Amino acid sequence: MKPSISLIGAGAAGTALLLALSRKGYPVAAISSRTSESARRCAELVGTHSFSTDNSAASAAGDIVFIATPDSLIRPVSEEISGNGGFHRGQLVLHLSGALTSDTLTDAADLGADICAMHPIQTLAEPLEGARLLESAWYCLEGPTPGLEQARRLTQSLSGRILTVAKTDKALYHAALCVASNYLVVLEKLAVEMLVEAGVEPVAALPALMPLIRGAADNLAQCGLPTALTGPISRGDTATVAQHLRVIDDKCPGYLPLYKDLGRQALRIAEDKGNMAPGSAALLEALLKAGS
């Protein structure tokens, strides 16, 4: 029989993971959350009657304990459970934070539990869809070897793919994910504002961009880097880039430094791709540096 799971923190991410693992045959030991209502909703989804707001009792009931609270509460909750004897030798205790290391769970380790940070590289806004997305997702694991190996088996049960990072690199890992996901949204907000400045109706701006965004993501998935890069810098089109610089400086000058910075990064990728006309890289470099 597979080990039982207790969930502390029945938000969207924790509920999605518990649902995904319960579908793979892991029995649910107990659920605890800040409110009885959120614990009850999670319990209904996974088909258990064992839910409460008692973190320590819920933790003590499980062979595996997921602390799926907001990052700022992981250590306080771990300390609370530890103080009440809710961890014990032979348990595996994990948190789902991308930014925090397994050190946040040292209170559990002090009581003999194995620990690991297990971060799903996926957006989990809603539990049912989240449970589906967690199958075959990528997971980042970090922690001491005993906990790491057990977490590896958990992710493999979901057909998950695994990244491992050193404790000292966890913050950089999380920053990379923020660039890939959060800052994509920021870039599209800037693109929308530029379209509106160009006379496009605000209500149409983002829908008009979505096929382009999806196409770029598909190119990345299918072609990889550097091949996925398209556009004027990729082909060494200095005239178009010069035109961009002039109109941005005129219409939305606050965006010019970012456009230049991103352009220089695009130029590095274009040089790796290797299909620019001879001499165009130097011309583009000069254009993108001018006035910086």
C-alpha atoms as a PDB file:
ATOM      1  CA  MET A   1       0.000   0.000   0.000  1.00  0.00           C
ATOM      2  CA  LYS A   2       1.214   3.487  -0.825  1.00  0.00           C
ATOM      3  CA  PRO A   3       2.013   5.914   2.004  1.00  0.00           C
ATOM      4  CA  SER A   4      -0.785   8.192   3.175  1.00  0.00           C
ATOM      5  CA  ILE A   5      -0.748  11.937   2.617  1.00  0.00           C
ATOM      6  CA  SER A   6      -1.700  14.820   4.885  1.00  0.00           C
ATOM      7  CA  LEU A   7      -2.189  18.280   3.417  1.00  0.00           C
ATOM      8  CA  ILE A   8      -1.641  21.452   5.411  1.00  0.00           C
ATOM      9  CA  GLY A   9      -3.068  24.400   3.490  1.00  0.00           C
ATOM     10  CA  ALA A  10      -5.951  23.592   1.154  1.00  0.00           C
ATOM     11  CA  GLY A  11      -5.487  26.317  -1.427  1.00  0.00           C
ATOM     12  CA  ALA A  12      -5.528  25.740  -5.170  1.00  0.00           C
ATOM     13  CA  ALA A  13      -1.983  24.343  -5.423  1.00  0.00           C
ATOM     14  CA  GLY A  14      -2.165  22.012  -2.436  1.00  0.00           C
ATOM     15  CA  THR A  15      -5.621  20.751  -3.347  1.00  0.00           C
ATOM     16  CA  ALA A  16      -4.588  20.126  -6.954  1.00  0.00           C
ATOM     17  CA  LEU A  17      -1.537  18.128  -5.876  1.00  0.00           C
ATOM     18  CA  LEU A  18      -3.477  16.102  -3.310  1.00  0.00           C
ATOM     19  CA  LEU A  19      -6.143  15.324  -5.908  1.00  0.00           C
ATOM     20  CA  ALA A  20      -3.535  14.301  -8.488  1.00  0.00           C
ATOM     21  CA  LEU A  21      -1.749  11.990  -6.039  1.00  0.00           C
ATOM     22  CA  SER A  22      -4.980  10.501  -4.681  1.00  0.00           C
ATOM     23  CA  ARG A  23      -5.881   9.550  -8.247  1.00  0.00           C
ATOM     24  CA  LYS A  24      -2.590   7.628  -8.362  1.00  0.00           C
ATOM     25  CA  GLY A  25      -3.566   5.559  -5.337  1.00  0.00           C
ATOM     26  CA  TYR A  26      -2.110   7.560  -2.451  1.00  0.00           C
ATOM     27  CA  PRO A  27      -4.604   7.464   0.437  1.00  0.00           C
ATOM     28  CA  VAL A  28      -5.537  10.767   2.056  1.00  0.00           C
ATOM     29  CA  ALA A  29      -4.838  10.766   5.791  1.00  0.00           C
ATOM     30  CA  ALA A  30      -6.043  14.242   6.741  1.00  0.00           C
ATOM     31  CA  ILE A  31      -6.530  17.792   5.520  1.00  0.00           C
ATOM     32  CA  SER A  32      -6.073  20.952   7.533  1.00  0.00           C
ATOM     33  CA  SER A  33      -6.507  24.531   6.425  1.00  0.00           C
ATOM     34  CA  ARG A  34      -6.859  28.009   7.873  1.00  0.00           C
ATOM     35  CA  THR A  35     -10.648  27.816   7.553  1.00  0.00           C
ATOM     36  CA  SER A  36     -12.868  24.784   7.898  1.00  0.00           C
ATOM     37  CA  GLU A  37     -14.617  25.789   4.674  1.00  0.00           C
ATOM     38  CA  SER A  38     -11.475  25.517   2.530  1.00  0.00           C
ATOM     39  CA  ALA A  39     -10.575  22.230   4.225  1.00  0.00           C
ATOM     40  CA  ARG A  40     -14.089  20.916   3.550  1.00  0.00           C
ATOM     41  CA  ARG A  41     -13.982  21.877  -0.145  1.00  0.00           C
ATOM     42  CA  CYS A  42     -10.691  20.041  -0.561  1.00  0.00           C
ATOM     43  CA  ALA A  43     -12.003  17.007   1.331  1.00  0.00           C
ATOM     44  CA  GLU A  44     -15.046  16.803  -0.932  1.00  0.00           C
ATOM     45  CA  LEU A  45     -12.848  16.829  -4.023  1.00  0.00           C
ATOM     46  CA  VAL A  46     -10.639  13.971  -2.818  1.00  0.00           C
ATOM     47  CA  GLY A  47     -13.416  12.018  -1.125  1.00  0.00           C
ATOM     48  CA  THR A  48     -12.452  12.089   2.548  1.00  0.00           C
ATOM     49  CA  HIS A  49     -14.198  13.107   5.762  1.00  0.00           C
ATOM     50  CA  SER A  50     -10.942  13.764   7.622  1.00  0.00           C
ATOM     51  CA  PHE A  51     -10.578  17.539   7.596  1.00  0.00           C
ATOM     52  CA  SER A  52     -10.122  20.220  10.237  1.00  0.00           C
ATOM     53  CA  THR A  53      -8.218  23.375  11.132  1.00  0.00           C
ATOM     54  CA  ASP A  54      -5.828  21.440  13.397  1.00  0.00           C
ATOM     55  CA  ASN A  55      -2.497  21.449  11.560  1.00  0.00           C
ATOM     56  CA  SER A  56      -0.675  19.336  14.115  1.00  0.00           C
ATOM     57  CA  ALA A  57      -3.262  16.561  14.278  1.00  0.00           C
ATOM     58  CA  ALA A  58      -3.504  16.442  10.489  1.00  0.00           C
ATOM     59  CA  SER A  59       0.272  16.282  10.145  1.00  0.00           C
ATOM     60  CA  ALA A  60       0.643  13.500  12.699  1.00  0.00           C
ATOM     61  CA  ALA A  61      -1.835  11.339  10.768  1.00  0.00           C
ATOM     62  CA  GLY A  62       0.137  11.177   7.508  1.00  0.00           C
ATOM     63  CA  ASP A  63       3.183   9.312   6.255  1.00  0.00           C
ATOM     64  CA  ILE A  64       3.767  12.198   3.844  1.00  0.00           C
ATOM     65  CA  VAL A  65       2.983  15.792   4.828  1.00  0.00           C
ATOM     66  CA  PHE A  66       2.647  18.600   2.299  1.00  0.00           C
ATOM     67  CA  ILE A  67       2.779  22.115   3.739  1.00  0.00           C
ATOM     68  CA  ALA A  68       1.089  24.084   0.971  1.00  0.00           C
ATOM     69  CA  THR A  69       0.576  27.394   2.745  1.00  0.00           C
ATOM     70  CA  PRO A  70       1.746  30.777   1.411  1.00  0.00           C
ATOM     71  CA  ASP A  71       5.530  31.079   1.619  1.00  0.00           C
ATOM     72  CA  SER A  72       5.445  33.444   4.582  1.00  0.00           C
ATOM     73  CA  LEU A  73       3.579  30.855   6.665  1.00  0.00           C
ATOM     74  CA  ILE A  74       5.628  27.733   5.898  1.00  0.00           C
ATOM     75  CA  ARG A  75       8.157  28.206   8.683  1.00  0.00           C
ATOM     76  CA  PRO A  76       5.615  29.351  11.316  1.00  0.00           C
ATOM     77  CA  VAL A  77       3.336  26.419  10.479  1.00  0.00           C
ATOM     78  CA  SER A  78       6.278  24.009  10.622  1.00  0.00           C
ATOM     79  CA  GLU A  79       7.271  25.425  14.009  1.00  0.00           C
ATOM     80  CA  GLU A  80       3.686  25.136  15.260  1.00  0.00           C
ATOM     81  CA  ILE A  81       3.387  21.498  14.186  1.00  0.00           C
ATOM     82  CA  SER A  82       6.800  20.670  15.613  1.00  0.00           C
ATOM     83  CA  GLY A  83       5.944  22.292  18.920  1.00  0.00           C
ATOM     84  CA  ASN A  84       2.829  20.138  19.160  1.00  0.00           C
ATOM     85  CA  GLY A  85       4.630  16.919  18.252  1.00  0.00           C
ATOM     86  CA  GLY A  86       2.990  16.635  14.843  1.00  0.00           C
ATOM     87  CA  PHE A  87       6.136  15.413  13.063  1.00  0.00           C
ATOM     88  CA  HIS A  88       7.800  12.080  13.692  1.00  0.00           C
ATOM     89  CA  ARG A  89      10.588   9.843  12.480  1.00  0.00           C
ATOM     90  CA  GLY A  90       9.827   8.095   9.209  1.00  0.00           C
ATOM     91  CA  GLN A  91       7.672  10.889   7.813  1.00  0.00           C
ATOM     92  CA  LEU A  92       8.403  12.794   4.630  1.00  0.00           C
ATOM     93  CA  VAL A  93       7.622  16.508   5.009  1.00  0.00           C
ATOM     94  CA  LEU A  94       7.593  18.740   1.935  1.00  0.00           C
ATOM     95  CA  HIS A  95       6.695  22.281   0.995  1.00  0.00           C
ATOM     96  CA  LEU A  96       5.723  23.563  -2.456  1.00  0.00           C
ATOM     97  CA  SER A  97       7.567  26.893  -2.509  1.00  0.00           C
ATOM     98  CA  GLY A  98       9.684  27.786  -5.495  1.00  0.00           C
ATOM     99  CA  ALA A  99      11.619  30.455  -3.623  1.00  0.00           C
ATOM    100  CA  LEU A 100      12.275  28.869  -0.215  1.00  0.00           C
ATOM    101  CA  THR A 101      14.718  26.053   0.457  1.00  0.00           C
ATOM    102  CA  SER A 102      14.202  22.865   2.423  1.00  0.00           C
ATOM    103  CA  ASP A 103      15.870  24.614   5.380  1.00  0.00           C
ATOM    104  CA  THR A 104      12.441  26.089   6.100  1.00  0.00           C
ATOM    105  CA  LEU A 105      11.479  22.612   7.349  1.00  0.00           C
ATOM    106  CA  THR A 106      14.335  22.096   9.813  1.00  0.00           C
ATOM    107  CA  ASP A 107      11.847  21.809  12.691  1.00  0.00           C
ATOM    108  CA  ALA A 108      10.476  18.669  11.054  1.00  0.00           C
ATOM    109  CA  ALA A 109      13.981  17.330  10.443  1.00  0.00           C
ATOM    110  CA  ASP A 110      14.857  17.892  14.101  1.00  0.00           C
ATOM    111  CA  LEU A 111      12.083  15.447  15.017  1.00  0.00           C
ATOM    112  CA  GLY A 112      13.420  12.804  12.636  1.00  0.00           C
ATOM    113  CA  ALA A 113      11.355  13.472   9.514  1.00  0.00           C
ATOM    114  CA  ASP A 114      12.900  13.541   6.055  1.00  0.00           C
ATOM    115  CA  ILE A 115      12.400  16.862   4.275  1.00  0.00           C
ATOM    116  CA  CYS A 116      12.336  18.226   0.744  1.00  0.00           C
ATOM    117  CA  ALA A 117      11.187  21.254  -1.228  1.00  0.00           C
ATOM    118  CA  MET A 118       9.049  20.095  -4.174  1.00  0.00           C
ATOM    119  CA  HIS A 119       8.001  22.896  -6.504  1.00  0.00           C
ATOM    120  CA  PRO A 120       5.644  22.199  -9.426  1.00  0.00           C
ATOM    121  CA  ILE A 121       6.686  24.316 -12.419  1.00  0.00           C
ATOM    122  CA  GLN A 122       3.098  25.019 -13.368  1.00  0.00           C
ATOM    123  CA  THR A 123       0.412  27.628 -12.797  1.00  0.00           C
ATOM    124  CA  LEU A 124      -2.295  26.186 -10.547  1.00  0.00           C
ATOM    125  CA  ALA A 125      -5.223  28.572 -10.382  1.00  0.00           C
ATOM    126  CA  GLU A 126      -7.979  25.967  -9.990  1.00  0.00           C
ATOM    127  CA  PRO A 127      -7.760  22.507  -8.376  1.00  0.00           C
ATOM    128  CA  LEU A 128      -9.469  20.311 -10.986  1.00  0.00           C
ATOM    129  CA  GLU A 129      -7.562  21.732 -13.935  1.00  0.00           C
ATOM    130  CA  GLY A 130      -4.449  21.950 -11.760  1.00  0.00           C
ATOM    131  CA  ALA A 131      -4.593  18.230 -10.983  1.00  0.00           C
ATOM    132  CA  ARG A 132      -4.651  17.516 -14.708  1.00  0.00           C
ATOM    133  CA  LEU A 133      -1.749  19.862 -15.387  1.00  0.00           C
ATOM    134  CA  LEU A 134       0.368  18.280 -12.637  1.00  0.00           C
ATOM    135  CA  GLU A 135       0.513  15.006 -14.534  1.00  0.00           C
ATOM    136  CA  SER A 136       3.647  15.087 -16.695  1.00  0.00           C
ATOM    137  CA  ALA A 137       4.604  18.502 -15.293  1.00  0.00           C
ATOM    138  CA  TRP A 138       8.151  19.504 -14.419  1.00  0.00           C
ATOM    139  CA  TYR A 139       9.062  19.598 -10.731  1.00  0.00           C
ATOM    140  CA  CYS A 140      12.052  21.179  -9.022  1.00  0.00           C
ATOM    141  CA  LEU A 141      13.350  19.185  -6.059  1.00  0.00           C
ATOM    142  CA  GLU A 142      15.810  20.386  -3.419  1.00  0.00           C
ATOM    143  CA  GLY A 143      16.717  18.838  -0.114  1.00  0.00           C
ATOM    144  CA  PRO A 144      18.806  16.233   1.712  1.00  0.00           C
ATOM    145  CA  THR A 145      19.187  12.918  -0.098  1.00  0.00           C
ATOM    146  CA  PRO A 146      16.680  10.765   1.850  1.00  0.00           C
ATOM    147  CA  GLY A 147      13.833  13.225   1.332  1.00  0.00           C
ATOM    148  CA  LEU A 148      14.947  14.001  -2.204  1.00  0.00           C
ATOM    149  CA  GLU A 149      14.764  10.354  -3.252  1.00  0.00           C
ATOM    150  CA  GLN A 150      11.292   9.931  -1.772  1.00  0.00           C
ATOM    151  CA  ALA A 151      10.103  13.122  -3.486  1.00  0.00           C
ATOM    152  CA  ARG A 152      11.539  11.787  -6.732  1.00  0.00           C
ATOM    153  CA  ARG A 153       9.315   8.708  -6.424  1.00  0.00           C
ATOM    154  CA  LEU A 154       6.285  10.910  -5.778  1.00  0.00           C
ATOM    155  CA  THR A 155       6.877  12.968  -8.902  1.00  0.00           C
ATOM    156  CA  GLN A 156       7.542   9.857 -10.948  1.00  0.00           C
ATOM    157  CA  SER A 157       4.151   8.501  -9.895  1.00  0.00           C
ATOM    158  CA  LEU A 158       2.685  11.544 -11.670  1.00  0.00           C
ATOM    159  CA  SER A 159       4.902  10.925 -14.729  1.00  0.00           C
ATOM    160  CA  GLY A 160       6.610  14.139 -13.717  1.00  0.00           C
ATOM    161  CA  ARG A 161       9.928  15.347 -15.051  1.00  0.00           C
ATOM    162  CA  ILE A 162      12.495  16.504 -12.540  1.00  0.00           C
ATOM    163  CA  LEU A 163      14.944  19.350 -12.105  1.00  0.00           C
ATOM    164  CA  THR A 164      17.223  19.413  -9.096  1.00  0.00           C
ATOM    165  CA  VAL A 165      18.948  22.576  -7.866  1.00  0.00           C
ATOM    166  CA  ALA A 166      21.372  23.235  -5.057  1.00  0.00           C
ATOM    167  CA  LYS A 167      20.097  25.063  -2.010  1.00  0.00           C
ATOM    168  CA  THR A 168      22.312  28.041  -2.848  1.00  0.00           C
ATOM    169  CA  ASP A 169      20.740  28.321  -6.316  1.00  0.00           C
ATOM    170  CA  LYS A 170      17.082  28.173  -5.306  1.00  0.00           C
ATOM    171  CA  ALA A 171      16.530  31.941  -5.447  1.00  0.00           C
ATOM    172  CA  LEU A 172      18.077  32.191  -8.924  1.00  0.00           C
ATOM    173  CA  TYR A 173      15.942  29.264 -10.076  1.00  0.00           C
ATOM    174  CA  HIS A 174      12.808  31.035  -8.870  1.00  0.00           C
ATOM    175  CA  ALA A 175      13.874  34.326 -10.452  1.00  0.00           C
ATOM    176  CA  ALA A 176      14.173  32.514 -13.794  1.00  0.00           C
ATOM    177  CA  LEU A 177      10.602  31.251 -13.475  1.00  0.00           C
ATOM    178  CA  CYS A 178       9.381  34.757 -12.681  1.00  0.00           C
ATOM    179  CA  VAL A 179      11.085  36.067 -15.816  1.00  0.00           C
ATOM    180  CA  ALA A 180       9.529  33.289 -17.914  1.00  0.00           C
ATOM    181  CA  SER A 181       5.994  33.666 -16.579  1.00  0.00           C
ATOM    182  CA  ASN A 182       5.336  36.873 -14.650  1.00  0.00           C
ATOM    183  CA  TYR A 183       7.447  39.135 -16.817  1.00  0.00           C
ATOM    184  CA  LEU A 184       5.836  37.761 -19.964  1.00  0.00           C
ATOM    185  CA  VAL A 185       2.615  39.308 -18.663  1.00  0.00           C
ATOM    186  CA  VAL A 186       4.458  42.583 -18.059  1.00  0.00           C
ATOM    187  CA  LEU A 187       5.817  42.589 -21.619  1.00  0.00           C
ATOM    188  CA  GLU A 188       2.364  41.981 -23.062  1.00  0.00           C
ATOM    189  CA  LYS A 189       0.988  44.852 -20.971  1.00  0.00           C
ATOM    190  CA  LEU A 190       3.633  47.114 -22.521  1.00  0.00           C
ATOM    191  CA  ALA A 191       2.798  45.784 -25.993  1.00  0.00           C
ATOM    192  CA  VAL A 192      -0.903  46.489 -25.388  1.00  0.00           C
ATOM    193  CA  GLU A 193      -0.118  50.051 -24.318  1.00  0.00           C
ATOM    194  CA  MET A 194       1.997  50.567 -27.441  1.00  0.00           C
ATOM    195  CA  LEU A 195      -0.843  49.303 -29.650  1.00  0.00           C
ATOM    196  CA  VAL A 196      -3.283  51.660 -27.933  1.00  0.00           C
ATOM    197  CA  GLU A 197      -0.820  54.522 -28.506  1.00  0.00           C
ATOM    198  CA  ALA A 198      -0.819  53.467 -32.171  1.00  0.00           C
ATOM    199  CA  GLY A 199      -4.612  53.887 -32.306  1.00  0.00           C
ATOM    200  CA  VAL A 200      -5.811  50.333 -31.677  1.00  0.00           C
ATOM    201  CA  GLU A 201      -8.984  50.008 -29.596  1.00  0.00           C
ATOM    202  CA  PRO A 202      -8.001  48.921 -26.065  1.00  0.00           C
ATOM    203  CA  VAL A 203     -10.549  46.103 -26.090  1.00  0.00           C
ATOM    204  CA  ALA A 204      -8.969  44.631 -29.237  1.00  0.00           C
ATOM    205  CA  ALA A 205      -5.296  44.999 -28.340  1.00  0.00           C
ATOM    206  CA  LEU A 206      -4.697  41.898 -26.223  1.00  0.00           C
ATOM    207  CA  PRO A 207      -6.916  39.558 -28.296  1.00  0.00           C
ATOM    208  CA  ALA A 208      -5.011  40.666 -31.394  1.00  0.00           C
ATOM    209  CA  LEU A 209      -1.705  39.773 -29.722  1.00  0.00           C
ATOM    210  CA  MET A 210      -2.751  36.356 -28.389  1.00  0.00           C
ATOM    211  CA  PRO A 211      -2.169  34.372 -31.628  1.00  0.00           C
ATOM    212  CA  LEU A 212       1.299  35.921 -31.843  1.00  0.00           C
ATOM    213  CA  ILE A 213       2.045  35.013 -28.219  1.00  0.00           C
ATOM    214  CA  ARG A 214       0.821  31.445 -28.707  1.00  0.00           C
ATOM    215  CA  GLY A 215       2.803  31.148 -31.921  1.00  0.00           C
ATOM    216  CA  ALA A 216       5.999  32.260 -30.194  1.00  0.00           C
ATOM    217  CA  ALA A 217       5.404  29.746 -27.385  1.00  0.00           C
ATOM    218  CA  ASP A 218       4.739  26.992 -29.937  1.00  0.00           C
ATOM    219  CA  ASN A 219       7.949  27.879 -31.776  1.00  0.00           C
ATOM    220  CA  LEU A 220       9.898  27.629 -28.523  1.00  0.00           C
ATOM    221  CA  ALA A 221       8.364  24.230 -27.775  1.00  0.00           C
ATOM    222  CA  GLN A 222       8.891  22.844 -31.271  1.00  0.00           C
ATOM    223  CA  CYS A 223      12.112  24.507 -32.429  1.00  0.00           C
ATOM    224  CA  GLY A 224      13.907  25.511 -29.223  1.00  0.00           C
ATOM    225  CA  LEU A 225      16.573  28.187 -28.929  1.00  0.00           C
ATOM    226  CA  PRO A 226      17.936  29.983 -30.886  1.00  0.00           C
ATOM    227  CA  THR A 227      15.766  28.856 -33.835  1.00  0.00           C
ATOM    228  CA  ALA A 228      12.500  30.114 -32.313  1.00  0.00           C
ATOM    229  CA  LEU A 229      13.565  33.761 -32.580  1.00  0.00           C
ATOM    230  CA  THR A 230      11.894  35.598 -35.465  1.00  0.00           C
ATOM    231  CA  GLY A 231      11.462  39.262 -36.360  1.00  0.00           C
ATOM    232  CA  PRO A 232      13.632  42.118 -37.601  1.00  0.00           C
ATOM    233  CA  ILE A 233      16.640  41.515 -35.345  1.00  0.00           C
ATOM    234  CA  SER A 234      16.647  37.818 -36.217  1.00  0.00           C
ATOM    235  CA  ARG A 235      16.989  38.654 -39.908  1.00  0.00           C
ATOM    236  CA  GLY A 236      19.301  41.654 -39.426  1.00  0.00           C
ATOM    237  CA  ASP A 237      16.762  44.252 -40.587  1.00  0.00           C
ATOM    238  CA  THR A 238      18.483  47.427 -39.404  1.00  0.00           C
ATOM    239  CA  ALA A 239      16.070  49.773 -41.202  1.00  0.00           C
ATOM    240  CA  THR A 240      13.042  48.405 -39.344  1.00  0.00           C
ATOM    241  CA  VAL A 241      14.797  48.498 -35.977  1.00  0.00           C
ATOM    242  CA  ALA A 242      15.884  52.106 -36.607  1.00  0.00           C
ATOM    243  CA  GLN A 243      12.271  52.981 -37.425  1.00  0.00           C
ATOM    244  CA  HIS A 244      11.110  51.325 -34.193  1.00  0.00           C
ATOM    245  CA  LEU A 245      13.607  53.333 -32.173  1.00  0.00           C
ATOM    246  CA  ARG A 246      12.485  56.621 -33.722  1.00  0.00           C
ATOM    247  CA  VAL A 247       8.764  56.064 -33.204  1.00  0.00           C
ATOM    248  CA  ILE A 248       9.141  54.720 -29.650  1.00  0.00           C
ATOM    249  CA  ASP A 249      11.299  57.721 -28.752  1.00  0.00           C
ATOM    250  CA  ASP A 250       8.564  59.979 -30.159  1.00  0.00           C
ATOM    251  CA  LYS A 251       5.401  58.242 -28.918  1.00  0.00           C
ATOM    252  CA  CYS A 252       6.371  56.369 -25.737  1.00  0.00           C
ATOM    253  CA  PRO A 253       9.932  57.309 -24.774  1.00  0.00           C
ATOM    254  CA  GLY A 254       9.673  55.638 -21.384  1.00  0.00           C
ATOM    255  CA  TYR A 255       9.779  52.270 -23.142  1.00  0.00           C
ATOM    256  CA  LEU A 256      12.882  53.023 -25.206  1.00  0.00           C
ATOM    257  CA  PRO A 257      15.508  51.782 -22.691  1.00  0.00           C
ATOM    258  CA  LEU A 258      13.669  48.463 -22.276  1.00  0.00           C
ATOM    259  CA  TYR A 259      13.261  48.057 -26.036  1.00  0.00           C
ATOM    260  CA  LYS A 260      17.003  48.591 -26.462  1.00  0.00           C
ATOM    261  CA  ASP A 261      17.901  46.197 -23.648  1.00  0.00           C
ATOM    262  CA  LEU A 262      15.648  43.480 -25.046  1.00  0.00           C
ATOM    263  CA  GLY A 263      16.949  44.182 -28.522  1.00  0.00           C
ATOM    264  CA  ARG A 264      20.527  43.588 -27.398  1.00  0.00           C
ATOM    265  CA  GLN A 265      19.477  40.279 -25.834  1.00  0.00           C
ATOM    266  CA  ALA A 266      17.670  39.360 -29.057  1.00  0.00           C
ATOM    267  CA  LEU A 267      20.834  40.200 -30.987  1.00  0.00           C
ATOM    268  CA  ARG A 268      22.801  37.638 -28.959  1.00  0.00           C
ATOM    269  CA  ILE A 269      20.242  34.983 -29.866  1.00  0.00           C
ATOM    270  CA  ALA A 270      20.218  36.065 -33.519  1.00  0.00           C
ATOM    271  CA  GLU A 271      24.001  35.747 -33.688  1.00  0.00           C
ATOM    272  CA  ASP A 272      23.713  32.203 -32.336  1.00  0.00           C
ATOM    273  CA  LYS A 273      21.020  31.485 -34.928  1.00  0.00           C
ATOM    274  CA  GLY A 274      23.425  32.623 -37.626  1.00  0.00           C
ATOM    275  CA  ASN A 275      21.204  33.810 -40.475  1.00  0.00           C
ATOM    276  CA  MET A 276      21.803  37.580 -40.355  1.00  0.00           C
ATOM    277  CA  ALA A 277      23.325  39.360 -43.311  1.00  0.00           C
ATOM    278  CA  PRO A 278      27.087  40.022 -42.994  1.00  0.00           C
ATOM    279  CA  GLY A 279      27.782  43.197 -41.043  1.00  0.00           C
ATOM    280  CA  SER A 280      24.215  43.630 -39.794  1.00  0.00           C
ATOM    281  CA  ALA A 281      25.053  42.533 -36.242  1.00  0.00           C
ATOM    282  CA  ALA A 282      27.514  45.388 -35.798  1.00  0.00           C
ATOM    283  CA  LEU A 283      25.034  47.902 -37.229  1.00  0.00           C
ATOM    284  CA  LEU A 284      22.281  46.663 -34.925  1.00  0.00           C
ATOM    285  CA  GLU A 285      24.600  46.769 -31.925  1.00  0.00           C
ATOM    286  CA  ALA A 286      25.439  50.400 -32.696  1.00  0.00           C
ATOM    287  CA  LEU A 287      21.761  51.311 -33.149  1.00  0.00           C
ATOM    288  CA  LEU A 288      20.746  49.707 -29.877  1.00  0.00           C
ATOM    289  CA  LYS A 289      23.600  51.337 -27.950  1.00  0.00           C
ATOM    290  CA  ALA A 290      23.078  54.842 -29.326  1.00  0.00           C
ATOM    291  CA  GLY A 291      21.991  57.261 -26.615  1.00  0.00           C
ATOM    292  CA  SER A 292      22.026  54.572 -23.917  1.00  0.00           C
END
